[in-house]
Amino acid sequence: MKLNEMTISELSEMLRKRRCSATEILSDVKDRINETEGKIGAYISINDKAENSARKVDEAFAKGEELHPLAGIPVAVKDNISTRGLRTTCASKMLYNYIPPYNATVIDRLEKNSSVIIGKTNMDEFAMGSSTENSFFHITRNPHNTDYVSGGSSGGSSAAVAADEAIAALGSDTGGSVRQPASFCGTVGLKPTYGRVSRYGLIAFASSLEQIGTITKSVKDSAILLGAIAGYDRMDSTSSRISFPDYASNLNASVKGLRVGIAEEYFSDTVDDEVKNAVYSAIKELEANAAETVSISLAAKEFSISSYYIIASAEASSNLARYDGVKYGYRSKDYDGLTDMYEKTRSEGFGDEVKRRIMLGTFVLSSGYYEDYYRKAKLMQRKITAEFSDAFRKCDVIATPTTPTTAFRIGENTEDILKMYGSDVCTVAANIAGIPAISVPCGKNAMGLPIGLQLMGDRFAEQTLLNAAYGYERICGGFREVK
């Protein structure tokens, strides 16, 4: 097995035993990128300073220094997370040449732990999409079958990990944008509790919903990566001061007595039979290992998609108003006066999906429609949150499909916007309620495309969630065999 095919935990142990070097790991990863990137399209930019970072790690190990398990590990970063001196585009023409003068907090924390930032991954423009077909640069393809999408909006991050073009990756999850591509590509995608990880330096789309998350090859890797980036940040007023454990050290594979909530609303006729059967089989495996299943109701799930798109679009309309061609980013070259410059810059700089959501958000916030749409969506958010709170009095985790289908063909849903939006129907509620959720592989369909099992947990109960996922990973023998 090549070094780029291994997990964080495996490589960390090898580095400490001096069985490989950080430079060798990076070399294998870059060789893989050179070999496959033309077919996959996972990256927008490659970090030309990565070799320097890897050499520093090797020098530190040579001196006998004790380093974090992430030291020397090549990590890919979604291109809406600010990286000082490295282009950060949000996959948009609007920011195609933007180089941030500062790091996001999560990047500072990765660098503090001597991670190697390998590059910036492709995404749906400004994180708006479910397929990574909305990038200004190129489409990202599914490594399992390049005729199919990788999911979105963190499709580049998930594809990079699935194709062994990175050991792990960061993404952002606004309505499933880490978990849905993880399901499509057969990786582990974790969205933490809102506030568990700082959003400082995450270029805003829907600030009250989005959270930086992890994409990895194993649950233990998710625990290691989350532990490195979690915690309070004075630069983010929404980050939480609630303490957290050492997730990786506290992993427990036993699912004995684990109460698994089953909400039939998530297993409706809109879910493909192959997906439904694979998820039910995973739940039966947990039961066979002494977990308990509990029937719960999450009736407000019916309104989660409509509530999500109203809230997210309203916040997008506000957050993206800053891109006007005046301060930074793209500016139209041909205009007559200030107003014309605004109009042409935004018309030329934004793609169709971004413009669609800005228009929707402006509409639902406008006088005469605010009460009918935005206010009702916020009231529904309260109801959804309350339902989850009630559910977690009865169970420890909730098991659902991550997505109602497996990955779809490139171009299949581009003209059917409602069908495209529907791919998030199982994931958006976790963002609305601010709870943590993880997607883990639980099989493949007849076409060989991965299927994801989603587990959701109570607020700030990431350890319980990781333990449940880790238990299932051990039961099924590891996710590399499931892929």
Protein backbone atom coordinates (compact mmCIF):
# COMPACT_ATOMS: atom_id res chain seq x y z
CA MET A 1 0.00 0.00 0.00
CA LYS A 2 1.32 3.43 -0.96
CA LEU A 3 1.61 6.13 1.67
CA ASN A 4 -1.09 8.27 0.09
CA GLU A 5 -3.59 5.42 0.54
CA MET A 6 -3.16 5.32 4.31
CA THR A 7 -5.01 7.05 7.11
CA ILE A 8 -3.87 9.81 9.45
CA SER A 9 -3.51 7.40 12.37
CA GLU A 10 -1.48 4.89 10.33
CA LEU A 11 0.86 7.52 8.93
CA SER A 12 1.29 9.22 12.29
CA GLU A 13 2.48 5.96 13.83
CA MET A 14 4.85 5.32 10.92
CA LEU A 15 6.36 8.80 11.24
CA ARG A 16 7.00 8.30 14.94
CA LYS A 17 8.67 4.95 14.30
CA ARG A 18 10.72 6.60 11.51
CA ARG A 19 9.35 4.12 8.95
CA CYS A 20 8.62 6.96 6.55
CA SER A 21 9.15 10.71 6.32
CA ALA A 22 6.74 13.59 5.83
CA THR A 23 8.54 14.36 2.59
CA GLU A 24 7.88 10.83 1.33
CA ILE A 25 4.20 11.06 2.26
CA LEU A 26 3.86 14.36 0.41
CA SER A 27 5.70 12.93 -2.60
CA ASP A 28 3.26 10.01 -2.85
CA VAL A 29 0.29 12.36 -2.55
CA LYS A 30 1.62 14.70 -5.23
CA ASP A 31 2.40 11.76 -7.52
CA ARG A 32 -1.20 10.64 -7.13
CA ILE A 33 -2.46 14.15 -7.89
CA ASN A 34 -0.35 14.24 -11.06
CA GLU A 35 -1.67 10.81 -12.03
CA THR A 36 -5.40 11.32 -11.46
CA GLU A 37 -6.22 15.01 -11.18
CA GLY A 38 -6.85 15.34 -14.92
CA LYS A 39 -9.70 12.83 -14.55
CA ILE A 40 -11.08 13.93 -11.17
CA GLY A 41 -10.62 17.72 -10.96
CA ALA A 42 -10.55 17.83 -7.15
CA TYR A 43 -8.29 20.88 -6.82
CA ILE A 44 -8.32 24.52 -7.84
CA SER A 45 -4.85 25.37 -6.48
CA ILE A 46 -1.84 23.38 -5.27
CA ASN A 47 0.31 24.81 -2.49
CA ASP A 48 3.86 25.27 -3.79
CA LYS A 49 5.13 25.72 -0.22
CA ALA A 50 3.99 22.29 0.93
CA GLU A 51 7.48 20.80 0.52
CA ASN A 52 8.92 23.35 2.95
CA SER A 53 6.32 22.39 5.55
CA ALA A 54 7.08 18.68 5.12
CA ARG A 55 10.85 19.26 5.47
CA LYS A 56 10.34 21.19 8.72
CA VAL A 57 8.37 18.25 10.13
CA ASP A 58 11.15 15.82 9.19
CA GLU A 59 13.71 18.08 10.84
CA ALA A 60 11.61 18.23 14.01
CA PHE A 61 11.25 14.44 14.15
CA ALA A 62 15.02 14.10 13.57
CA LYS A 63 15.59 16.24 16.68
CA GLY A 64 13.35 13.94 18.69
CA GLU A 65 10.54 16.48 19.14
CA GLU A 66 7.07 15.28 20.18
CA LEU A 67 4.57 16.36 17.53
CA HIS A 68 0.79 16.21 17.07
CA PRO A 69 -0.65 13.20 15.17
CA LEU A 70 -1.40 15.60 12.30
CA ALA A 71 2.26 16.56 11.91
CA GLY A 72 3.41 15.89 8.36
CA ILE A 73 -0.07 14.87 7.18
CA PRO A 74 -1.14 16.40 3.83
CA VAL A 75 -4.56 18.01 4.33
CA ALA A 76 -6.63 19.55 1.52
CA VAL A 77 -8.73 22.64 2.24
CA LYS A 78 -12.00 23.71 0.64
CA ASP A 79 -11.52 26.89 -1.36
CA ASN A 80 -13.85 29.01 0.77
CA ILE A 81 -11.54 28.78 3.81
CA SER A 82 -9.01 31.61 3.89
CA THR A 83 -5.34 30.70 3.53
CA ARG A 84 -2.77 33.48 3.84
CA GLY A 85 -0.77 33.86 0.64
CA LEU A 86 -2.65 31.04 -1.12
CA ARG A 87 -5.43 31.87 -3.54
CA THR A 88 -8.94 31.47 -2.11
CA THR A 89 -11.61 31.75 -4.80
CA CYS A 90 -14.87 30.20 -3.56
CA ALA A 91 -14.80 28.65 -7.06
CA SER A 92 -16.16 31.96 -8.36
CA LYS A 93 -15.16 34.38 -11.07
CA MET A 94 -15.88 37.05 -8.47
CA LEU A 95 -12.84 35.96 -6.41
CA TYR A 96 -10.77 34.19 -9.07
CA ASN A 97 -7.60 36.13 -8.16
CA TYR A 98 -8.16 36.80 -4.44
CA ILE A 99 -5.22 36.03 -2.14
CA PRO A 100 -6.15 36.47 1.55
CA PRO A 101 -3.81 38.40 3.84
CA TYR A 102 -4.80 36.18 6.80
CA ASN A 103 -5.53 32.58 7.75
CA ALA A 104 -8.81 31.16 8.92
CA THR A 105 -8.53 30.03 12.54
CA VAL A 106 -8.75 26.38 11.48
CA ILE A 107 -5.72 26.87 9.21
CA ASP A 108 -3.73 28.47 12.04
CA ARG A 109 -4.59 25.46 14.20
CA LEU A 110 -3.56 22.98 11.50
CA GLU A 111 -0.27 24.82 10.99
CA LYS A 112 0.33 24.97 14.75
CA ASN A 113 0.07 21.17 14.69
CA SER A 114 2.47 20.98 11.71
CA SER A 115 -0.04 19.75 9.13
CA VAL A 116 0.93 20.14 5.49
CA ILE A 117 -1.62 22.11 3.47
CA ILE A 118 -1.54 20.38 0.10
CA GLY A 119 -3.94 22.68 -1.79
CA LYS A 120 -7.38 24.23 -2.18
CA THR A 121 -10.22 22.04 -3.38
CA ASN A 122 -12.96 22.68 -5.90
CA MET A 123 -16.52 23.38 -4.80
CA ASP A 124 -19.87 24.70 -5.91
CA GLU A 125 -19.53 28.46 -6.23
CA PHE A 126 -19.80 30.14 -2.82
CA ALA A 127 -20.83 26.70 -1.45
CA MET A 128 -24.18 26.87 -3.27
CA GLY A 129 -24.90 23.52 -4.86
CA SER A 130 -25.04 19.77 -4.38
CA SER A 131 -22.85 18.44 -7.17
CA THR A 132 -19.73 20.63 -7.68
CA GLU A 133 -21.03 21.35 -11.17
CA ASN A 134 -21.43 25.04 -10.28
CA SER A 135 -17.72 25.86 -10.08
CA PHE A 136 -16.34 28.66 -12.27
CA PHE A 137 -13.26 26.50 -12.92
CA HIS A 138 -14.35 22.93 -13.71
CA ILE A 139 -16.54 20.02 -12.62
CA THR A 140 -15.25 17.60 -9.98
CA ARG A 141 -15.95 13.96 -10.84
CA ASN A 142 -16.65 11.00 -8.60
CA PRO A 143 -13.54 8.77 -8.24
CA HIS A 144 -15.76 5.65 -8.21
CA ASN A 145 -17.16 6.50 -11.65
CA THR A 146 -16.13 9.70 -13.41
CA ASP A 147 -19.45 9.92 -15.26
CA TYR A 148 -21.07 10.75 -11.91
CA VAL A 149 -20.93 13.80 -9.65
CA SER A 150 -18.84 13.93 -6.48
CA GLY A 151 -21.58 15.72 -4.56
CA GLY A 152 -21.43 19.22 -3.18
CA SER A 153 -20.65 21.73 -2.22
CA SER A 154 -17.49 20.15 -0.73
CA GLY A 155 -17.19 17.79 -3.68
CA GLY A 156 -13.53 18.59 -4.31
CA SER A 157 -12.55 17.80 -0.73
CA SER A 158 -14.41 14.49 -0.70
CA ALA A 159 -13.14 13.47 -4.14
CA ALA A 160 -9.55 14.30 -3.15
CA VAL A 161 -9.76 12.02 -0.09
CA ALA A 162 -11.60 9.24 -1.95
CA ALA A 163 -9.07 9.32 -4.80
CA ASP A 164 -6.14 9.30 -2.33
CA GLU A 165 -5.10 12.76 -3.55
CA ALA A 166 -5.13 13.87 0.10
CA ILE A 167 -4.99 12.06 3.41
CA ALA A 168 -7.81 14.20 4.83
CA ALA A 169 -9.63 17.42 4.01
CA LEU A 170 -11.62 20.29 5.45
CA GLY A 171 -14.97 21.29 4.01
CA SER A 172 -17.88 23.47 5.02
CA ASP A 173 -21.38 22.19 5.68
CA THR A 174 -24.34 24.56 5.31
CA GLY A 175 -27.07 22.02 4.57
CA GLY A 176 -25.15 18.78 4.08
CA SER A 177 -22.18 20.01 2.05
CA VAL A 178 -19.71 17.76 3.89
CA ARG A 179 -21.94 14.75 4.49
CA GLN A 180 -23.62 14.51 1.06
CA PRO A 181 -20.35 14.36 -0.95
CA ALA A 182 -18.93 12.00 1.68
CA SER A 183 -21.88 9.70 1.02
CA PHE A 184 -21.45 9.98 -2.75
CA CYS A 185 -17.68 9.33 -2.63
CA GLY A 186 -17.51 6.76 0.16
CA THR A 187 -15.64 8.88 2.72
CA VAL A 188 -16.36 9.87 6.34
CA GLY A 189 -17.90 13.34 6.56
CA LEU A 190 -18.41 15.04 9.92
CA LYS A 191 -20.37 18.24 10.60
CA PRO A 192 -19.75 19.37 14.19
CA THR A 193 -22.20 21.22 16.40
CA TYR A 194 -22.69 24.84 15.37
CA GLY A 195 -20.12 26.78 17.39
CA ARG A 196 -17.78 23.84 18.07
CA VAL A 197 -15.34 24.97 15.34
CA SER A 198 -14.50 28.60 14.61
CA ARG A 199 -15.93 30.04 11.39
CA TYR A 200 -13.43 32.93 11.35
CA GLY A 201 -11.96 32.98 7.88
CA LEU A 202 -14.75 30.89 6.35
CA ILE A 203 -16.10 33.06 3.54
CA ALA A 204 -19.74 33.57 4.44
CA PHE A 205 -22.73 32.08 2.65
CA ALA A 206 -25.35 31.42 5.37
CA SER A 207 -23.72 32.37 8.64
CA SER A 208 -26.30 30.91 11.03
CA LEU A 209 -26.22 27.47 9.40
CA GLU A 210 -22.71 26.74 8.14
CA GLN A 211 -19.97 24.96 10.02
CA ILE A 212 -16.48 23.83 9.02
CA GLY A 213 -16.29 20.04 9.00
CA THR A 214 -13.92 17.17 8.21
CA ILE A 215 -13.65 14.59 5.44
CA THR A 216 -11.48 11.57 6.17
CA LYS A 217 -10.89 7.89 5.44
CA SER A 218 -11.82 6.66 8.91
CA VAL A 219 -13.72 7.72 12.00
CA LYS A 220 -10.52 7.84 14.07
CA ASP A 221 -9.11 10.30 11.55
CA SER A 222 -12.24 12.43 11.96
CA ALA A 223 -11.69 12.44 15.73
CA ILE A 224 -8.04 13.44 15.33
CA LEU A 225 -8.80 16.23 12.87
CA LEU A 226 -11.79 17.56 14.83
CA GLY A 227 -9.74 17.64 18.02
CA ALA A 228 -7.14 19.81 16.29
CA ILE A 229 -9.53 22.44 14.93
CA ALA A 230 -12.23 22.55 17.64
CA GLY A 231 -12.48 25.09 20.44
CA TYR A 232 -13.35 28.64 21.35
CA ASP A 233 -12.05 31.47 19.21
CA ARG A 234 -12.36 35.11 20.28
CA MET A 235 -12.44 36.06 16.59
CA ASP A 236 -15.78 34.27 16.17
CA SER A 237 -18.61 35.48 18.38
CA THR A 238 -20.62 32.32 17.63
CA SER A 239 -17.89 29.90 18.76
CA SER A 240 -18.61 28.04 21.98
CA ARG A 241 -16.64 28.07 25.23
CA ILE A 242 -17.98 24.61 26.13
CA SER A 243 -15.04 22.29 26.78
CA PHE A 244 -14.49 19.14 24.76
CA PRO A 245 -12.59 15.89 25.33
CA ASP A 246 -9.70 14.38 23.42
CA TYR A 247 -11.99 12.78 20.86
CA ALA A 248 -9.45 10.32 19.47
CA SER A 249 -8.19 9.09 22.87
CA ASN A 250 -11.77 8.59 24.08
CA LEU A 251 -13.01 6.58 21.10
CA ASN A 252 -14.95 3.52 22.21
CA ALA A 253 -16.04 0.91 19.68
CA SER A 254 -18.65 -0.74 21.93
CA VAL A 255 -22.23 -0.01 20.88
CA LYS A 256 -23.74 -2.08 23.70
CA GLY A 257 -26.69 -0.16 25.11
CA LEU A 258 -26.44 2.58 22.46
CA ARG A 259 -29.96 3.89 21.81
CA VAL A 260 -30.42 4.41 18.08
CA GLY A 261 -33.42 6.50 17.07
CA ILE A 262 -35.29 5.54 13.91
CA ALA A 263 -37.58 8.16 12.37
CA GLU A 264 -39.71 6.65 9.61
CA GLU A 265 -40.01 10.12 8.00
CA TYR A 266 -36.44 9.63 6.76
CA PHE A 267 -37.26 6.31 5.07
CA SER A 268 -40.09 7.49 2.83
CA ASP A 269 -40.77 6.53 -0.78
CA THR A 270 -38.43 9.31 -1.94
CA VAL A 271 -35.48 7.22 -0.73
CA ASP A 272 -34.16 4.68 -3.24
CA ASP A 273 -34.70 1.07 -2.21
CA GLU A 274 -30.99 0.24 -2.46
CA VAL A 275 -30.15 3.12 -0.14
CA LYS A 276 -32.95 2.23 2.27
CA ASN A 277 -31.94 -1.43 2.40
CA ALA A 278 -28.26 -0.63 2.98
CA VAL A 279 -29.07 1.73 5.85
CA TYR A 280 -31.51 -0.74 7.44
CA SER A 281 -28.81 -3.43 7.17
CA ALA A 282 -26.35 -1.14 8.96
CA ILE A 283 -28.87 -0.56 11.73
CA LYS A 284 -29.40 -4.32 12.07
CA GLU A 285 -25.63 -4.75 12.43
CA LEU A 286 -25.70 -2.29 15.32
CA GLU A 287 -28.62 -4.20 16.87
CA ALA A 288 -26.74 -7.46 16.48
CA ASN A 289 -23.97 -5.92 18.57
CA ALA A 290 -26.32 -5.01 21.47
CA ALA A 291 -27.43 -1.54 20.38
CA GLU A 292 -31.10 -0.73 20.98
CA THR A 293 -33.42 0.83 18.42
CA VAL A 294 -36.01 3.39 19.46
CA SER A 295 -38.90 4.62 17.32
CA ILE A 296 -39.08 8.43 17.20
CA SER A 297 -40.97 11.02 15.18
CA LEU A 298 -39.43 13.95 13.32
CA ALA A 299 -42.53 15.14 11.49
CA ALA A 300 -41.15 18.62 10.81
CA LYS A 301 -38.63 17.03 8.43
CA GLU A 302 -41.27 17.62 5.72
CA PHE A 303 -40.64 21.35 6.00
CA SER A 304 -36.88 21.27 6.44
CA ILE A 305 -35.93 21.78 2.79
CA SER A 306 -38.22 24.77 2.27
CA SER A 307 -37.17 26.32 5.60
CA TYR A 308 -33.51 25.78 4.80
CA TYR A 309 -33.60 27.37 1.36
CA ILE A 310 -35.51 30.40 2.63
CA ILE A 311 -33.12 31.01 5.54
CA ALA A 312 -29.95 30.20 3.59
CA SER A 313 -30.94 32.32 0.59
CA ALA A 314 -31.88 35.27 2.79
CA GLU A 315 -28.49 35.18 4.48
CA ALA A 316 -26.73 34.72 1.12
CA SER A 317 -28.47 37.83 -0.22
CA SER A 318 -27.07 39.81 2.70
CA ASN A 319 -23.59 38.25 2.83
CA LEU A 320 -22.91 38.50 -0.89
CA ALA A 321 -23.95 42.16 -1.13
CA ARG A 322 -20.30 43.04 -0.38
CA TYR A 323 -19.16 41.82 -3.81
CA ASP A 324 -19.75 44.95 -5.87
CA GLY A 325 -16.50 45.50 -7.76
CA VAL A 326 -15.39 48.37 -5.53
CA LYS A 327 -13.20 46.93 -2.78
CA TYR A 328 -11.73 43.67 -4.11
CA GLY A 329 -12.42 40.80 -6.48
CA TYR A 330 -13.74 40.91 -10.01
CA ARG A 331 -14.83 44.19 -11.62
CA SER A 332 -16.50 44.51 -15.00
CA LYS A 333 -14.28 46.22 -17.55
CA ASP A 334 -17.09 47.93 -19.47
CA TYR A 335 -19.55 50.08 -17.56
CA ASP A 336 -21.11 53.52 -17.50
CA GLY A 337 -21.26 54.94 -13.99
CA LEU A 338 -21.35 53.39 -10.54
CA THR A 339 -24.76 51.72 -10.74
CA ASP A 340 -23.93 50.16 -14.10
CA MET A 341 -20.64 48.89 -12.65
CA TYR A 342 -22.50 47.21 -9.78
CA GLU A 343 -24.97 45.55 -12.13
CA LYS A 344 -22.43 44.33 -14.67
CA THR A 345 -19.90 43.21 -12.07
CA ARG A 346 -22.43 41.10 -10.22
CA SER A 347 -24.07 39.79 -13.42
CA GLU A 348 -20.72 38.75 -14.89
CA GLY A 349 -19.02 37.70 -11.64
CA PHE A 350 -21.67 35.39 -10.18
CA GLY A 351 -22.86 32.13 -11.70
CA ASP A 352 -26.48 31.16 -12.28
CA GLU A 353 -27.00 29.28 -9.00
CA VAL A 354 -25.58 32.11 -6.90
CA LYS A 355 -27.74 34.67 -8.70
CA ARG A 356 -30.78 32.43 -8.23
CA ARG A 357 -30.27 32.28 -4.48
CA ILE A 358 -29.52 35.99 -4.15
CA MET A 359 -32.77 36.79 -5.94
CA LEU A 360 -34.73 34.33 -3.80
CA GLY A 361 -33.17 35.71 -0.62
CA THR A 362 -33.85 39.30 -1.59
CA PHE A 363 -37.45 38.38 -2.34
CA VAL A 364 -38.15 36.65 0.99
CA LEU A 365 -36.64 39.58 2.91
CA SER A 366 -38.52 42.24 0.97
CA SER A 367 -41.36 44.31 2.38
CA GLY A 368 -44.63 42.44 2.10
CA TYR A 369 -43.04 38.98 1.92
CA TYR A 370 -40.85 38.86 5.04
CA GLU A 371 -43.77 37.77 7.25
CA ASP A 372 -45.03 35.21 4.74
CA TYR A 373 -41.69 33.50 4.13
CA TYR A 374 -38.66 34.38 6.25
CA ARG A 375 -40.48 34.72 9.58
CA LYS A 376 -42.35 31.44 9.03
CA ALA A 377 -39.09 29.68 8.14
CA LYS A 378 -37.50 30.91 11.37
CA LEU A 379 -40.52 29.69 13.35
CA MET A 380 -40.20 26.31 11.65
CA GLN A 381 -36.51 26.29 12.63
CA ARG A 382 -37.62 26.50 16.28
CA LYS A 383 -40.01 23.59 15.77
CA ILE A 384 -37.36 21.42 14.09
CA THR A 385 -34.88 22.19 16.87
CA ALA A 386 -37.46 21.34 19.53
CA GLU A 387 -38.26 18.02 17.84
CA PHE A 388 -34.61 17.00 17.93
CA SER A 389 -34.34 18.02 21.58
CA ASP A 390 -37.34 15.80 22.40
CA ALA A 391 -35.89 12.94 20.34
CA PHE A 392 -32.57 12.98 22.18
CA ARG A 393 -34.37 12.42 25.47
CA LYS A 394 -35.23 8.98 24.07
CA CYS A 395 -32.10 8.09 22.10
CA ASP A 396 -28.36 8.77 21.88
CA VAL A 397 -28.05 9.01 18.09
CA ILE A 398 -30.48 9.09 15.18
CA ALA A 399 -29.79 6.90 12.13
CA THR A 400 -30.96 7.89 8.64
CA PRO A 401 -29.78 7.68 5.06
CA THR A 402 -27.34 10.48 4.31
CA THR A 403 -28.89 11.02 0.88
CA PRO A 404 -32.05 9.67 -0.75
CA THR A 405 -30.05 8.40 -3.75
CA THR A 406 -26.51 7.55 -4.67
CA ALA A 407 -24.48 9.90 -6.87
CA PHE A 408 -26.26 10.96 -10.05
CA ARG A 409 -24.82 11.42 -13.50
CA ILE A 410 -23.11 14.68 -14.38
CA GLY A 411 -25.69 16.95 -15.98
CA GLU A 412 -28.64 14.77 -14.92
CA ASN A 413 -30.18 17.27 -12.48
CA THR A 414 -28.86 20.60 -13.73
CA GLU A 415 -32.19 21.47 -15.37
CA ASP A 416 -34.31 20.12 -12.51
CA ILE A 417 -33.49 22.48 -9.66
CA LEU A 418 -36.04 20.99 -7.23
CA LYS A 419 -34.60 17.51 -7.73
CA MET A 420 -31.11 18.89 -7.16
CA TYR A 421 -32.22 20.62 -3.96
CA GLY A 422 -33.93 17.39 -2.88
CA SER A 423 -30.59 15.59 -2.55
CA ASP A 424 -30.15 17.49 0.75
CA VAL A 425 -33.48 16.41 2.22
CA CYS A 426 -31.88 14.12 4.83
CA THR A 427 -29.07 16.48 5.85
CA VAL A 428 -30.46 20.03 6.14
CA ALA A 429 -32.28 19.49 9.44
CA ALA A 430 -29.00 19.01 11.32
CA ASN A 431 -27.87 22.46 10.17
CA ILE A 432 -31.22 24.04 11.02
CA ALA A 433 -31.03 22.58 14.53
CA GLY A 434 -27.28 23.16 14.91
CA ILE A 435 -26.58 19.54 15.92
CA PRO A 436 -23.61 17.37 14.91
CA ALA A 437 -23.95 14.70 12.23
CA ILE A 438 -21.66 12.24 10.50
CA SER A 439 -21.90 10.22 7.29
CA VAL A 440 -20.12 6.88 7.07
CA PRO A 441 -20.08 4.36 4.19
CA CYS A 442 -22.50 1.46 4.57
CA GLY A 443 -22.32 -0.27 1.21
CA LYS A 444 -22.68 0.24 -2.52
CA ASN A 445 -25.49 0.07 -5.04
CA ALA A 446 -25.60 -2.24 -8.05
CA MET A 447 -23.55 0.29 -10.04
CA GLY A 448 -20.76 0.23 -7.46
CA LEU A 449 -21.53 3.72 -6.14
CA PRO A 450 -21.20 4.30 -2.37
CA ILE A 451 -24.13 4.61 0.04
CA GLY A 452 -23.93 6.62 3.25
CA LEU A 453 -25.36 6.05 6.72
CA GLN A 454 -26.00 9.29 8.59
CA LEU A 455 -25.85 9.45 12.37
CA MET A 456 -27.02 12.61 14.15
CA GLY A 457 -26.30 13.47 17.78
CA ASP A 458 -27.35 15.97 20.42
CA ARG A 459 -25.66 19.37 20.62
CA PHE A 460 -21.98 19.11 21.61
CA ALA A 461 -22.25 15.31 21.85
CA GLU A 462 -19.58 14.71 19.20
CA GLN A 463 -17.89 12.06 21.34
CA THR A 464 -21.08 9.97 21.49
CA LEU A 465 -21.55 10.41 17.75
CA LEU A 466 -17.95 9.46 16.95
CA ASN A 467 -18.13 6.44 19.23
CA ALA A 468 -21.28 5.20 17.48
CA ALA A 469 -19.69 5.68 14.06
CA TYR A 470 -16.44 4.08 15.25
CA GLY A 471 -18.39 1.11 16.57
CA TYR A 472 -20.07 0.62 13.21
CA GLU A 473 -16.72 1.01 11.43
CA ARG A 474 -15.25 -1.80 13.54
CA ILE A 475 -18.31 -3.99 12.97
CA CYS A 476 -18.10 -3.70 9.17
CA GLY A 477 -14.32 -4.17 9.14
CA GLY A 478 -13.21 -0.72 8.08
CA PHE A 479 -14.50 1.59 5.40
CA ARG A 480 -11.77 0.92 2.85
CA GLU A 481 -13.29 -2.54 2.44
CA VAL A 482 -16.79 -1.07 2.10
CA LYS A 483 -15.77 1.36 -0.66
